C-alpha cells in the first residue's frame, strides 16, 4: 500500500517550488527616499535658521531681521489722517463763507460820499490833503503826471467828477484828465501852482473854502476852474476833499494873477 502511494503522489516539495533570488536594482538608480510631511519640513527649516543664528553669533555678525511692512511717507500719512482732512474742510468752509458775505452783503458804506463815511472809511480818495490849498494842488499834480485814478478820486462823489468832466467837454473824469495832461508843458512846473497872499482862503461859516484857479499862479498848463473844498467829517488830521467844481472863463479875466518868474 505504501508503494502504491509512492507511485501516484509526489512529495510536498514538488507542490511549492523554492523562491528565486531577490530582484537586482538597475545600476545608477538611487534608492527611493520617503518624502517628509509638512511638519517635519517646517521643523527642518527652523533648525536651519537656528544654525545660521548660532553661526552669526560666533562670527559676530547676526543675520538681518526680517523686514517689516514699508512705512508710508509723511505727506501720505497727513492726507489720510482724519484730523488733517477735517482741518482742510474747515478752511474751505470759512473761505466760502467769507466770499459769500463779501459778494452778497458787501460794505454798506462803500458807495457813500466821504462827507458821510469819514476819512477812515471812504474809498474815493487815495491820499487826502491836510489843507484846502493842498487839496487843489494835489489835483494839479495828478494831472501833470497823468496819475489815474488818483486825480478823479480827489472829488467827493461821482457826481462831482462828472461836473469836472462836463466843464472840459469830456465824457468822464479820466478822459478829462488825459486831455488836460496833453496840454501840459513842463510837468514839474505845472504840478506846483502858487497861492498868492492876496487870495482869500478863509473858511466860511459852512466849513468850506473857495479856491479859484484864476487867482492862482499856474505855470505851463491849463487852469482847472473854481473849487469848493471841505474837511471830511471825522477824518484824522482834518483831511480835505473837493465837494464842488465850477467852470471859469478861458482866458481868465484881466484881474487874474499871471505867473511870475
C-alpha atoms as a PDB file:
ATOM      1  CA  UNK A   1       0.000   0.000   0.000  1.00  0.00           C
ATOM      2  CA  UNK A   2       2.891   2.299   0.671  1.00  0.00           C
ATOM      3  CA  UNK A   3       4.316   1.512  -2.743  1.00  0.00           C
ATOM      4  CA  UNK A   4       1.106   2.488  -4.459  1.00  0.00           C
ATOM      5  CA  UNK A   5       1.089   5.782  -2.721  1.00  0.00           C
ATOM      6  CA  UNK A   6       4.595   6.481  -3.862  1.00  0.00           C
ATOM      7  CA  UNK A   7       3.587   5.823  -7.456  1.00  0.00           C
ATOM      8  CA  UNK A   8       0.627   8.214  -7.543  1.00  0.00           C
ATOM      9  CA  UNK A   9       1.739  11.165  -5.270  1.00  0.00           C
ATOM     10  CA  UNK A  10       4.770  13.489  -5.180  1.00  0.00           C
ATOM     11  CA  UNK A  11       6.275  14.895  -2.048  1.00  0.00           C
ATOM     12  CA  UNK A  12       5.198  18.360  -0.755  1.00  0.00           C
ATOM     13  CA  UNK A  13       8.338  19.961  -2.100  1.00  0.00           C
ATOM     14  CA  UNK A  14       7.118  19.425  -5.643  1.00  0.00           C
ATOM     15  CA  UNK A  15       3.950  21.459  -4.931  1.00  0.00           C
ATOM     16  CA  UNK A  16       5.888  24.636  -3.658  1.00  0.00           C
ATOM     17  CA  UNK A  17       8.972  25.320  -5.749  1.00  0.00           C
ATOM     18  CA  UNK A  18      11.755  27.265  -3.971  1.00  0.00           C
ATOM     19  CA  UNK A  19      11.693  31.118  -4.237  1.00  0.00           C
ATOM     20  CA  UNK A  20      14.135  32.708  -6.675  1.00  0.00           C
ATOM     21  CA  UNK A  21      16.884  35.227  -5.763  1.00  0.00           C
ATOM     22  CA  UNK A  22      15.847  38.927  -4.945  1.00  0.00           C
ATOM     23  CA  UNK A  23      15.390  41.346  -7.879  1.00  0.00           C
ATOM     24  CA  UNK A  24      18.520  43.260  -8.797  1.00  0.00           C
ATOM     25  CA  UNK A  25      18.126  47.167  -8.936  1.00  0.00           C
ATOM     26  CA  UNK A  26      19.336  48.663 -12.176  1.00  0.00           C
ATOM     27  CA  UNK A  27      22.727  50.320 -11.802  1.00  0.00           C
ATOM     28  CA  UNK A  28      22.715  54.167 -11.238  1.00  0.00           C
ATOM     29  CA  UNK A  29      19.212  54.333  -9.806  1.00  0.00           C
ATOM     30  CA  UNK A  30      19.237  55.780  -6.239  1.00  0.00           C
ATOM     31  CA  UNK A  31      17.112  54.193  -3.621  1.00  0.00           C
ATOM     32  CA  UNK A  32      13.697  55.819  -3.161  1.00  0.00           C
ATOM     33  CA  UNK A  33      13.637  58.315  -0.267  1.00  0.00           C
ATOM     34  CA  UNK A  34      10.343  58.803   1.506  1.00  0.00           C
ATOM     35  CA  UNK A  35       9.068  62.458   1.303  1.00  0.00           C
ATOM     36  CA  UNK A  36       8.827  64.247   4.692  1.00  0.00           C
ATOM     37  CA  UNK A  37       5.498  65.594   5.755  1.00  0.00           C
ATOM     38  CA  UNK A  38       4.796  69.349   6.295  1.00  0.00           C
ATOM     39  CA  UNK A  39       5.511  69.323   9.993  1.00  0.00           C
ATOM     40  CA  UNK A  40       8.891  67.682   9.505  1.00  0.00           C
ATOM     41  CA  UNK A  41       9.792  70.178   6.734  1.00  0.00           C
ATOM     42  CA  UNK A  42       8.884  73.148   8.922  1.00  0.00           C
ATOM     43  CA  UNK A  43      10.968  71.779  11.794  1.00  0.00           C
ATOM     44  CA  UNK A  44      13.864  71.286   9.419  1.00  0.00           C
ATOM     45  CA  UNK A  45      13.683  74.914   8.230  1.00  0.00           C
ATOM     46  CA  UNK A  46      13.546  76.204  11.805  1.00  0.00           C
ATOM     47  CA  UNK A  47      16.555  74.101  12.640  1.00  0.00           C
ATOM     48  CA  UNK A  48      18.448  75.582   9.689  1.00  0.00           C
ATOM     49  CA  UNK A  49      17.611  79.123  10.800  1.00  0.00           C
ATOM     50  CA  UNK A  50      18.739  78.301  14.319  1.00  0.00           C
ATOM     51  CA  UNK A  51      22.058  77.021  12.978  1.00  0.00           C
ATOM     52  CA  UNK A  52      22.534  80.231  10.940  1.00  0.00           C
ATOM     53  CA  UNK A  53      21.786  82.309  14.049  1.00  0.00           C
ATOM     54  CA  UNK A  54      24.386  80.376  16.045  1.00  0.00           C
ATOM     55  CA  UNK A  55      26.978  80.835  13.295  1.00  0.00           C
ATOM     56  CA  UNK A  56      26.209  84.564  13.215  1.00  0.00           C
ATOM     57  CA  UNK A  57      26.777  84.836  16.964  1.00  0.00           C
ATOM     58  CA  UNK A  58      30.085  83.016  16.658  1.00  0.00           C
ATOM     59  CA  UNK A  59      31.245  85.320  13.804  1.00  0.00           C
ATOM     60  CA  UNK A  60      29.944  88.487  15.463  1.00  0.00           C
ATOM     61  CA  UNK A  61      27.541  89.209  12.608  1.00  0.00           C
ATOM     62  CA  UNK A  62      23.904  88.453  13.074  1.00  0.00           C
ATOM     63  CA  UNK A  63      21.641  87.950  10.095  1.00  0.00           C
ATOM     64  CA  UNK A  64      19.396  90.959   9.427  1.00  0.00           C
ATOM     65  CA  UNK A  65      15.956  90.714  10.976  1.00  0.00           C
ATOM     66  CA  UNK A  66      13.098  90.168   8.602  1.00  0.00           C
ATOM     67  CA  UNK A  67      11.959  93.459   7.089  1.00  0.00           C
ATOM     68  CA  UNK A  68       8.588  94.704   8.285  1.00  0.00           C
ATOM     69  CA  UNK A  69       5.923  96.410   6.200  1.00  0.00           C
ATOM     70  CA  UNK A  70       7.104  99.521   4.285  1.00  0.00           C
ATOM     71  CA  UNK A  71       6.412 102.788   6.158  1.00  0.00           C
ATOM     72  CA  UNK A  72       4.181 105.347   4.401  1.00  0.00           C
ATOM     73  CA  UNK A  73       5.671 108.776   3.636  1.00  0.00           C
ATOM     74  CA  UNK A  74       4.762 111.674   5.918  1.00  0.00           C
ATOM     75  CA  UNK A  75       2.688 113.582   3.336  1.00  0.00           C
ATOM     76  CA  UNK A  76       0.598 110.490   2.646  1.00  0.00           C
ATOM     77  CA  UNK A  77       0.018 109.892   6.341  1.00  0.00           C
ATOM     78  CA  UNK A  78      -1.100 113.525   6.699  1.00  0.00           C
ATOM     79  CA  UNK A  79      -3.544 113.237   3.826  1.00  0.00           C
ATOM     80  CA  UNK A  80      -5.002 110.069   5.275  1.00  0.00           C
ATOM     81  CA  UNK A  81      -5.270 111.479   8.800  1.00  0.00           C
ATOM     82  CA  UNK A  82      -8.813 112.342   9.825  1.00  0.00           C
ATOM     83  CA  UNK A  83      -7.829 115.491  11.736  1.00  0.00           C
ATOM     84  CA  UNK A  84      -6.000 116.867   8.682  1.00  0.00           C
ATOM     85  CA  UNK A  85      -8.965 116.299   6.386  1.00  0.00           C
ATOM     86  CA  UNK A  86     -11.278 117.960   8.895  1.00  0.00           C
ATOM     87  CA  UNK A  87      -8.957 120.988   9.054  1.00  0.00           C
ATOM     88  CA  UNK A  88      -8.993 121.300   5.260  1.00  0.00           C
ATOM     89  CA  UNK A  89     -12.787 121.085   5.186  1.00  0.00           C
ATOM     90  CA  UNK A  90     -12.995 123.803   7.855  1.00  0.00           C
ATOM     91  CA  UNK A  91     -10.704 126.161   5.931  1.00  0.00           C
ATOM     92  CA  UNK A  92     -12.670 125.665   2.723  1.00  0.00           C
ATOM     93  CA  UNK A  93     -15.918 126.367   4.555  1.00  0.00           C
ATOM     94  CA  UNK A  94     -14.520 129.573   6.093  1.00  0.00           C
ATOM     95  CA  UNK A  95     -13.287 130.814   2.710  1.00  0.00           C
ATOM     96  CA  UNK A  96     -16.652 130.094   1.134  1.00  0.00           C
ATOM     97  CA  UNK A  97     -18.476 131.960   3.910  1.00  0.00           C
ATOM     98  CA  UNK A  98     -16.141 134.949   3.574  1.00  0.00           C
ATOM     99  CA  UNK A  99     -16.645 135.095  -0.184  1.00  0.00           C
ATOM    100  CA  UNK A 100     -20.426 134.827   0.176  1.00  0.00           C
ATOM    101  CA  UNK A 101     -20.506 137.598   2.777  1.00  0.00           C
ATOM    102  CA  UNK A 102     -18.441 139.981   0.625  1.00  0.00           C
ATOM    103  CA  UNK A 103     -20.342 139.085  -2.536  1.00  0.00           C
ATOM    104  CA  UNK A 104     -23.903 139.330  -1.255  1.00  0.00           C
ATOM    105  CA  UNK A 105     -23.626 141.760   1.658  1.00  0.00           C
ATOM    106  CA  UNK A 106     -20.512 143.839   0.966  1.00  0.00           C
ATOM    107  CA  UNK A 107     -19.611 147.039   2.742  1.00  0.00           C
ATOM    108  CA  UNK A 108     -22.712 149.193   3.312  1.00  0.00           C
ATOM    109  CA  UNK A 109     -20.571 152.361   3.404  1.00  0.00           C
ATOM    110  CA  UNK A 110     -18.512 151.838   0.259  1.00  0.00           C
ATOM    111  CA  UNK A 111     -20.835 153.846  -2.041  1.00  0.00           C
ATOM    112  CA  UNK A 112     -21.478 156.715   0.361  1.00  0.00           C
ATOM    113  CA  UNK A 113     -19.695 160.068  -0.063  1.00  0.00           C
ATOM    114  CA  UNK A 114     -16.646 160.875   2.023  1.00  0.00           C
ATOM    115  CA  UNK A 115     -18.560 163.534   3.931  1.00  0.00           C
ATOM    116  CA  UNK A 116     -20.790 160.798   5.385  1.00  0.00           C
ATOM    117  CA  UNK A 117     -18.388 157.928   5.834  1.00  0.00           C
ATOM    118  CA  UNK A 118     -15.427 159.780   7.279  1.00  0.00           C
ATOM    119  CA  UNK A 119     -11.781 159.674   6.243  1.00  0.00           C
ATOM    120  CA  UNK A 120     -11.153 156.226   7.646  1.00  0.00           C
ATOM    121  CA  UNK A 121     -13.949 154.566   5.635  1.00  0.00           C
ATOM    122  CA  UNK A 122     -14.139 156.342   2.287  1.00  0.00           C
ATOM    123  CA  UNK A 123     -12.824 154.622  -0.826  1.00  0.00           C
ATOM    124  CA  UNK A 124     -12.949 157.635  -3.124  1.00  0.00           C
ATOM    125  CA  UNK A 125      -9.643 159.289  -2.196  1.00  0.00           C
ATOM    126  CA  UNK A 126      -6.252 157.643  -2.378  1.00  0.00           C
ATOM    127  CA  UNK A 127      -4.465 160.248  -0.244  1.00  0.00           C
ATOM    128  CA  UNK A 128      -6.377 163.125   1.306  1.00  0.00           C
ATOM    129  CA  UNK A 129      -4.822 166.567   1.587  1.00  0.00           C
ATOM    130  CA  UNK A 130      -4.348 168.090   5.017  1.00  0.00           C
ATOM    131  CA  UNK A 131      -5.201 171.649   3.924  1.00  0.00           C
ATOM    132  CA  UNK A 132      -7.546 173.373   1.492  1.00  0.00           C
ATOM    133  CA  UNK A 133      -4.662 174.519  -0.736  1.00  0.00           C
ATOM    134  CA  UNK A 134      -3.142 171.032  -0.874  1.00  0.00           C
ATOM    135  CA  UNK A 135      -6.481 169.521  -1.943  1.00  0.00           C
ATOM    136  CA  UNK A 136      -6.360 171.636  -5.125  1.00  0.00           C
ATOM    137  CA  UNK A 137      -2.599 171.446  -5.604  1.00  0.00           C
ATOM    138  CA  UNK A 138      -2.803 167.622  -5.475  1.00  0.00           C
ATOM    139  CA  UNK A 139      -5.240 167.659  -8.409  1.00  0.00           C
ATOM    140  CA  UNK A 140      -2.830 169.798 -10.476  1.00  0.00           C
ATOM    141  CA  UNK A 141      -0.014 167.398  -9.614  1.00  0.00           C
ATOM    142  CA  UNK A 142      -2.050 164.322 -10.611  1.00  0.00           C
ATOM    143  CA  UNK A 143      -2.948 165.877 -13.964  1.00  0.00           C
ATOM    144  CA  UNK A 144       0.676 166.934 -14.559  1.00  0.00           C
ATOM    145  CA  UNK A 145       1.792 163.322 -14.106  1.00  0.00           C
ATOM    146  CA  UNK A 146      -1.434 161.784 -15.535  1.00  0.00           C
ATOM    147  CA  UNK A 147      -1.962 159.762 -12.377  1.00  0.00           C
ATOM    148  CA  UNK A 148      -5.202 157.798 -12.540  1.00  0.00           C
ATOM    149  CA  UNK A 149      -7.434 157.077 -10.748  1.00  0.00           C
ATOM    150  CA  UNK A 150      -5.918 159.356  -8.079  1.00  0.00           C
ATOM    151  CA  UNK A 151      -6.862 162.566  -9.898  1.00  0.00           C
ATOM    152  CA  UNK A 152     -10.546 161.667 -10.073  1.00  0.00           C
ATOM    153  CA  UNK A 153     -10.702 160.389  -6.501  1.00  0.00           C
ATOM    154  CA  UNK A 154      -9.866 163.897  -5.267  1.00  0.00           C
ATOM    155  CA  UNK A 155     -13.553 164.659  -5.787  1.00  0.00           C
ATOM    156  CA  UNK A 156     -16.027 163.695  -3.091  1.00  0.00           C
ATOM    157  CA  UNK A 157     -18.528 161.809  -5.263  1.00  0.00           C
ATOM    158  CA  UNK A 158     -19.066 160.535  -8.779  1.00  0.00           C
ATOM    159  CA  UNK A 159     -21.412 163.474  -9.356  1.00  0.00           C
ATOM    160  CA  UNK A 160     -18.587 165.967  -8.693  1.00  0.00           C
ATOM    161  CA  UNK A 161     -16.338 164.009 -11.056  1.00  0.00           C
ATOM    162  CA  UNK A 162     -18.977 164.350 -13.753  1.00  0.00           C
ATOM    163  CA  UNK A 163     -19.225 168.106 -13.113  1.00  0.00           C
ATOM    164  CA  UNK A 164     -15.494 168.452 -13.660  1.00  0.00           C
ATOM    165  CA  UNK A 165     -15.594 166.340 -16.850  1.00  0.00           C
ATOM    166  CA  UNK A 166     -18.504 168.329 -18.357  1.00  0.00           C
ATOM    167  CA  UNK A 167     -16.730 171.623 -17.784  1.00  0.00           C
ATOM    168  CA  UNK A 168     -13.905 170.372 -20.017  1.00  0.00           C
ATOM    169  CA  UNK A 169     -16.199 168.767 -22.607  1.00  0.00           C
ATOM    170  CA  UNK A 170     -15.162 165.216 -21.681  1.00  0.00           C
ATOM    171  CA  UNK A 171     -17.441 162.162 -21.304  1.00  0.00           C
ATOM    172  CA  UNK A 172     -15.910 161.253 -17.956  1.00  0.00           C
ATOM    173  CA  UNK A 173     -13.264 162.309 -15.474  1.00  0.00           C
ATOM    174  CA  UNK A 174     -10.435 160.005 -16.668  1.00  0.00           C
ATOM    175  CA  UNK A 175     -10.845 161.302 -20.226  1.00  0.00           C
ATOM    176  CA  UNK A 176     -10.766 164.897 -18.989  1.00  0.00           C
ATOM    177  CA  UNK A 177      -7.557 164.209 -17.061  1.00  0.00           C
ATOM    178  CA  UNK A 178      -5.870 162.716 -20.133  1.00  0.00           C
ATOM    179  CA  UNK A 179      -6.875 165.647 -22.349  1.00  0.00           C
ATOM    180  CA  UNK A 180      -5.697 168.215 -19.807  1.00  0.00           C
ATOM    181  CA  UNK A 181      -2.417 166.336 -19.361  1.00  0.00           C
ATOM    182  CA  UNK A 182      -1.820 166.599 -23.110  1.00  0.00           C
ATOM    183  CA  UNK A 183      -1.888 170.419 -22.758  1.00  0.00           C
ATOM    184  CA  UNK A 184       0.764 170.451 -20.023  1.00  0.00           C
ATOM    185  CA  UNK A 185       4.253 171.661 -20.938  1.00  0.00           C
ATOM    186  CA  UNK A 186       6.747 171.286 -18.092  1.00  0.00           C
ATOM    187  CA  UNK A 187       5.074 168.839 -15.726  1.00  0.00           C
ATOM    188  CA  UNK A 188       7.131 169.823 -12.678  1.00  0.00           C
ATOM    189  CA  UNK A 189       6.183 173.483 -13.013  1.00  0.00           C
ATOM    190  CA  UNK A 190       2.512 172.737 -13.622  1.00  0.00           C
ATOM    191  CA  UNK A 191       2.404 170.433 -10.590  1.00  0.00           C
ATOM    192  CA  UNK A 192       3.376 173.302  -8.253  1.00  0.00           C
ATOM    193  CA  UNK A 193       0.909 176.190  -8.681  1.00  0.00           C
ATOM    194  CA  UNK A 194       1.284 179.077  -6.246  1.00  0.00           C
ATOM    195  CA  UNK A 195      -1.317 180.680  -3.999  1.00  0.00           C
ATOM    196  CA  UNK A 196      -0.658 184.431  -3.651  1.00  0.00           C
ATOM    197  CA  UNK A 197      -1.012 186.012  -0.239  1.00  0.00           C
ATOM    198  CA  UNK A 198      -3.805 188.148  -1.626  1.00  0.00           C
ATOM    199  CA  UNK A 199      -6.050 185.108  -2.048  1.00  0.00           C
ATOM    200  CA  UNK A 200      -8.900 184.801   0.422  1.00  0.00           C
ATOM    201  CA  UNK A 201      -8.609 181.260   1.809  1.00  0.00           C
ATOM    202  CA  UNK A 202     -10.608 181.772   4.987  1.00  0.00           C
ATOM    203  CA  UNK A 203     -13.077 179.090   5.995  1.00  0.00           C
ATOM    204  CA  UNK A 204     -16.705 180.127   5.546  1.00  0.00           C
ATOM    205  CA  UNK A 205     -19.452 179.526   8.080  1.00  0.00           C
ATOM    206  CA  UNK A 206     -20.431 176.243   6.422  1.00  0.00           C
ATOM    207  CA  UNK A 207     -16.881 174.934   6.789  1.00  0.00           C
ATOM    208  CA  UNK A 208     -15.959 175.310   3.104  1.00  0.00           C
ATOM    209  CA  UNK A 209     -13.137 177.159   1.347  1.00  0.00           C
ATOM    210  CA  UNK A 210     -13.439 178.559  -2.202  1.00  0.00           C
ATOM    211  CA  UNK A 211     -10.321 178.416  -4.407  1.00  0.00           C
ATOM    212  CA  UNK A 212     -10.299 179.978  -7.871  1.00  0.00           C
ATOM    213  CA  UNK A 213      -7.666 178.920 -10.371  1.00  0.00           C
ATOM    214  CA  UNK A 214      -7.843 182.410 -11.890  1.00  0.00           C
ATOM    215  CA  UNK A 215      -6.454 183.780  -8.606  1.00  0.00           C
ATOM    216  CA  UNK A 216      -3.617 181.233  -8.571  1.00  0.00           C
ATOM    217  CA  UNK A 217      -0.287 181.338 -10.374  1.00  0.00           C
ATOM    218  CA  UNK A 218      -0.455 178.362 -12.763  1.00  0.00           C
ATOM    219  CA  UNK A 219       2.600 177.513 -14.888  1.00  0.00           C
ATOM    220  CA  UNK A 220       2.809 175.890 -18.306  1.00  0.00           C
ATOM    221  CA  UNK A 221      -0.639 174.350 -18.493  1.00  0.00           C
ATOM    222  CA  UNK A 222      -4.408 174.915 -18.346  1.00  0.00           C
ATOM    223  CA  UNK A 223      -6.195 176.393 -15.356  1.00  0.00           C
ATOM    224  CA  UNK A 224      -8.698 173.979 -13.823  1.00  0.00           C
ATOM    225  CA  UNK A 225     -11.570 176.251 -12.719  1.00  0.00           C
ATOM    226  CA  UNK A 226     -13.111 177.064  -9.373  1.00  0.00           C
ATOM    227  CA  UNK A 227     -13.165 174.591  -6.471  1.00  0.00           C
ATOM    228  CA  UNK A 228     -15.062 174.384  -3.203  1.00  0.00           C
ATOM    229  CA  UNK A 229     -13.302 172.163  -0.669  1.00  0.00           C
ATOM    230  CA  UNK A 230     -14.309 170.960   2.766  1.00  0.00           C
ATOM    231  CA  UNK A 231     -12.943 168.897   5.642  1.00  0.00           C
ATOM    232  CA  UNK A 232     -14.213 165.332   5.700  1.00  0.00           C
ATOM    233  CA  UNK A 233     -16.195 164.954   8.957  1.00  0.00           C
ATOM    234  CA  UNK A 234     -14.477 162.606  11.381  1.00  0.00           C
ATOM    235  CA  UNK A 235     -11.318 162.355   9.289  1.00  0.00           C
ATOM    236  CA  UNK A 236      -7.989 162.058  11.040  1.00  0.00           C
ATOM    237  CA  UNK A 237      -5.943 165.238  10.836  1.00  0.00           C
ATOM    238  CA  UNK A 238      -8.675 167.260   9.061  1.00  0.00           C
ATOM    239  CA  UNK A 239      -8.423 165.822   5.560  1.00  0.00           C
ATOM    240  CA  UNK A 240      -9.905 167.883   2.723  1.00  0.00           C
ATOM    241  CA  UNK A 241     -11.836 166.834  -0.370  1.00  0.00           C
ATOM    242  CA  UNK A 242     -13.389 168.696  -3.339  1.00  0.00           C
ATOM    243  CA  UNK A 243     -17.168 168.946  -2.931  1.00  0.00           C
ATOM    244  CA  UNK A 244     -17.941 171.215  -5.924  1.00  0.00           C
ATOM    245  CA  UNK A 245     -16.394 172.327  -9.224  1.00  0.00           C
ATOM    246  CA  UNK A 246     -17.379 175.366 -11.325  1.00  0.00           C
ATOM    247  CA  UNK A 247     -16.198 176.404 -14.738  1.00  0.00           C
ATOM    248  CA  UNK A 248     -14.275 179.657 -15.189  1.00  0.00           C
ATOM    249  CA  UNK A 249     -13.787 181.709 -18.352  1.00  0.00           C
ATOM    250  CA  UNK A 250     -10.824 180.951 -20.564  1.00  0.00           C
ATOM    251  CA  UNK A 251      -8.782 183.013 -20.568  1.00  0.00           C
ATOM    252  CA  UNK A 252      -9.363 184.335 -17.077  1.00  0.00           C
ATOM    253  CA  UNK A 253     -10.484 187.970 -16.603  1.00  0.00           C
ATOM    254  CA  UNK A 254      -7.855 190.696 -16.688  1.00  0.00           C
ATOM    255  CA  UNK A 255      -7.718 190.703 -12.917  1.00  0.00           C
ATOM    256  CA  UNK A 256      -6.412 187.116 -12.905  1.00  0.00           C
ATOM    257  CA  UNK A 257      -2.955 186.606 -11.463  1.00  0.00           C
ATOM    258  CA  UNK A 258      -0.319 185.943 -14.104  1.00  0.00           C
ATOM    259  CA  UNK A 259       2.602 183.628 -13.325  1.00  0.00           C
ATOM    260  CA  UNK A 260       5.822 185.406 -12.398  1.00  0.00           C
ATOM    261  CA  UNK A 261       9.367 184.244 -12.861  1.00  0.00           C
END
